[in-house]
Protein backbone atom coordinates (compact mmCIF):
# COMPACT_ATOMS: atom_id res chain seq x y z
CA MET A 1 8.41 -26.52 49.39
CA ARG A 2 5.27 -28.45 48.56
CA ALA A 3 3.68 -29.10 45.03
CA VAL A 4 0.21 -27.92 44.40
CA LEU A 5 -1.90 -30.24 41.88
CA SER A 6 -4.27 -28.33 39.86
CA ASN A 7 -8.03 -29.68 39.56
CA GLU A 8 -7.39 -30.69 35.75
CA GLU A 9 -7.96 -33.90 35.21
CA PHE A 10 -5.04 -36.51 34.06
CA THR A 11 -5.94 -38.39 31.18
CA VAL A 12 -4.03 -41.19 29.58
CA PRO A 13 -3.85 -41.06 25.72
CA SER A 14 -6.11 -43.62 24.25
CA PHE A 15 -8.35 -45.04 21.62
CA ASP A 16 -10.46 -48.15 20.50
CA ILE A 17 -9.80 -50.67 17.66
CA VAL A 18 -13.31 -51.50 16.27
CA SER A 19 -14.61 -53.34 13.10
CA GLU A 20 -17.40 -51.95 11.73
CA ILE A 21 -19.31 -51.83 8.44
CA ASN A 22 -21.38 -49.02 6.97
CA MET A 23 -24.45 -51.19 6.03
CA GLU A 24 -26.03 -48.57 4.19
CA GLU A 25 -23.13 -48.60 1.57
CA VAL A 26 -23.59 -52.21 1.48
CA ARG A 27 -27.07 -51.96 0.51
CA ASN A 28 -26.08 -49.41 -1.95
CA ALA A 29 -23.58 -52.17 -3.54
CA THR A 30 -26.24 -54.69 -3.56
CA GLU A 31 -28.44 -52.40 -5.73
CA ASN A 32 -25.63 -51.56 -7.86
CA ALA A 33 -24.52 -54.96 -8.64
CA SER A 34 -28.09 -55.79 -9.44
CA ARG A 35 -28.13 -53.26 -11.79
CA GLU A 36 -25.28 -54.36 -13.42
CA LEU A 37 -26.60 -57.76 -13.50
CA SER A 38 -29.83 -56.73 -15.31
CA THR A 39 -27.46 -55.20 -18.15
CA ARG A 40 -24.89 -58.16 -18.42
CA PHE A 41 -25.37 -60.21 -21.72
CA ASP A 42 -24.25 -63.57 -19.95
CA PHE A 43 -27.28 -63.41 -17.58
CA ARG A 44 -30.01 -62.45 -20.20
CA GLY A 45 -33.13 -64.87 -19.64
CA ILE A 46 -31.48 -66.33 -16.44
CA GLU A 47 -33.11 -66.14 -13.08
CA ALA A 48 -30.37 -64.41 -10.84
CA SER A 49 -30.72 -61.78 -8.13
CA PHE A 50 -29.04 -59.94 -5.21
CA ASP A 51 -31.52 -59.62 -1.95
CA TYR A 52 -30.50 -57.53 0.96
CA LYS A 53 -31.79 -58.91 4.25
CA GLU A 54 -31.06 -57.71 7.47
CA LYS A 55 -27.13 -57.63 7.28
CA THR A 56 -26.81 -60.27 4.52
CA VAL A 57 -27.07 -60.77 1.02
CA VAL A 58 -28.53 -63.44 -0.75
CA MET A 59 -27.60 -64.40 -4.63
CA LYS A 60 -29.44 -66.70 -6.30
CA ALA A 61 -28.67 -68.11 -9.74
CA GLU A 62 -29.32 -71.38 -12.04
CA ALA A 63 -25.92 -72.67 -11.81
CA GLU A 64 -22.95 -72.41 -9.38
CA PHE A 65 -20.60 -70.82 -11.64
CA GLN A 66 -22.99 -67.97 -12.06
CA LEU A 67 -22.91 -67.31 -8.35
CA GLN A 68 -19.06 -67.23 -8.76
CA GLN A 69 -19.35 -64.51 -11.16
CA MET A 70 -22.26 -62.71 -9.36
CA GLU A 71 -19.78 -62.52 -6.23
CA SER A 72 -16.86 -61.21 -8.31
CA MET A 73 -19.77 -58.66 -9.53
CA PHE A 74 -20.52 -57.92 -5.87
CA ARG A 75 -17.11 -57.55 -4.67
CA THR A 76 -16.12 -54.92 -7.18
CA ALA A 77 -19.54 -52.91 -6.12
CA CYS A 78 -18.40 -52.91 -2.76
CA SER A 79 -15.09 -51.53 -3.44
CA LYS A 80 -16.51 -48.88 -5.38
CA ARG A 81 -18.39 -48.04 -2.28
CA ASN A 82 -15.86 -48.18 -0.21
CA VAL A 83 -16.69 -51.30 1.67
CA ASP A 84 -13.76 -53.38 2.78
CA THR A 85 -14.11 -56.56 0.92
CA SER A 86 -11.90 -58.32 3.52
CA SER A 87 -14.96 -58.28 5.50
CA ILE A 88 -17.07 -60.29 3.03
CA ASP A 89 -18.14 -63.82 4.56
CA VAL A 90 -19.40 -66.00 1.65
CA LYS A 91 -21.26 -69.10 2.95
CA PRO A 92 -21.42 -72.30 0.99
CA PHE A 93 -24.09 -72.58 -1.53
CA ASP A 94 -27.04 -74.96 -1.35
CA ALA A 95 -29.22 -76.13 -3.81
CA HIS A 96 -33.16 -75.76 -4.09
CA GLY A 97 -34.23 -77.82 -7.26
CA LYS A 98 -33.04 -75.81 -10.36
CA THR A 99 -32.03 -72.63 -8.28
CA TYR A 100 -28.60 -72.03 -6.33
CA ARG A 101 -28.47 -70.03 -3.23
CA GLN A 102 -25.42 -68.42 -1.69
CA THR A 103 -25.53 -65.91 1.33
CA ILE A 104 -22.51 -63.32 2.01
CA ALA A 105 -22.53 -62.26 5.51
CA PHE A 106 -20.18 -59.46 6.83
CA LYS A 107 -17.80 -59.73 9.61
CA GLU A 108 -18.45 -56.83 12.43
CA GLY A 109 -17.20 -56.69 15.72
CA ILE A 110 -14.13 -58.29 17.15
CA GLU A 111 -14.57 -61.76 18.27
CA GLN A 112 -12.73 -63.03 21.31
CA PRO A 113 -10.15 -65.26 19.35
CA MET A 114 -9.23 -62.17 17.02
CA ALA A 115 -9.15 -60.04 20.05
CA LYS A 116 -6.64 -62.36 21.88
CA LYS A 117 -4.38 -62.41 18.61
CA ILE A 118 -4.50 -58.62 18.42
CA VAL A 119 -3.56 -58.24 21.95
CA LYS A 120 -0.43 -60.77 21.65
CA LEU A 121 0.77 -58.84 18.23
CA ILE A 122 0.77 -55.89 20.20
CA LYS A 123 2.74 -57.47 23.18
CA ASP A 124 5.25 -58.93 20.67
CA ALA A 125 5.84 -55.53 19.15
CA LYS A 126 7.07 -54.71 22.86
CA LEU A 127 5.35 -51.32 22.60
CA LYS A 128 4.57 -49.34 25.91
CA VAL A 129 0.91 -49.67 25.93
CA GLN A 130 -1.94 -51.50 27.81
CA THR A 131 -4.59 -53.28 25.89
CA ALA A 132 -8.04 -54.39 27.09
CA ILE A 133 -10.76 -56.24 25.37
CA GLN A 134 -14.24 -54.48 25.81
CA GLY A 135 -16.74 -56.66 24.25
CA GLU A 136 -16.46 -56.35 20.25
CA GLU A 137 -13.66 -53.83 20.88
CA LEU A 138 -10.24 -52.89 22.09
CA ARG A 139 -9.05 -50.26 24.14
CA VAL A 140 -5.36 -49.01 23.78
CA THR A 141 -3.86 -46.71 26.29
CA GLY A 142 -0.34 -45.26 26.50
CA LYS A 143 1.56 -42.62 28.04
CA LYS A 144 2.96 -41.34 24.68
CA ARG A 145 0.84 -40.53 21.33
CA ASP A 146 3.63 -41.80 19.17
CA ASP A 147 3.37 -45.12 20.84
CA LEU A 148 -0.49 -45.35 19.89
CA GLN A 149 0.23 -44.03 16.70
CA GLN A 150 2.94 -47.56 16.36
CA VAL A 151 -0.24 -49.42 17.24
CA MET A 152 -2.33 -48.10 14.90
CA ALA A 153 0.25 -48.70 12.02
CA LEU A 154 1.09 -52.36 13.32
CA VAL A 155 -2.56 -53.27 13.15
CA LYS A 156 -3.11 -51.67 9.85
CA SER A 157 -0.11 -53.39 8.35
CA SER A 158 -0.79 -57.01 9.90
CA ASP A 159 -3.15 -59.03 7.51
CA LEU A 160 -5.76 -60.42 10.10
CA GLY A 161 -8.44 -60.94 7.51
CA GLN A 162 -10.93 -58.18 8.82
CA PRO A 163 -10.92 -54.30 8.36
CA PHE A 164 -10.01 -52.35 11.73
CA GLN A 165 -10.98 -48.79 12.49
CA PHE A 166 -9.67 -46.35 15.15
CA LYS A 167 -12.02 -44.48 17.33
CA ASN A 168 -12.28 -42.42 20.18
CA PHE A 169 -8.78 -40.92 20.21
CA ARG A 170 -8.01 -39.03 23.04
CA ASP A 171 -4.78 -37.32 23.71
């Protein structure tokens, strides 16, 4: 007796691990922080501002401690807009005359060292899945859906200093 294969395509369950930021929400958080800045008593009569420019936020103030307060306000505004604050990368401040500036960038995409760290984390967990680095994202494939869900739980529970999302789950 011979087995007959159907024409159905055999697909292996898979998903992609990515790191993306909703920049529209970052812009909204910047505007909210600017509004809060204008109502704060401790910032009355002080030259201080938030500026959203091409995927970064530039804070300007008259003193270093004011930049620290502004960073806190910005983080709070991001949290309210569901922007993961672990993606925030605060650069060192620089002084121009009597004005201090500080740039906030956002970690997006999975860089090579982080991708290798995630692959090692998954291999060390001895889950029956394959992981492939594809540019700035990772593709995870496995025979069982449960194994893939274990990988998702593992990555979520690991403190890797960057937010990750799971896309394109195919069963």
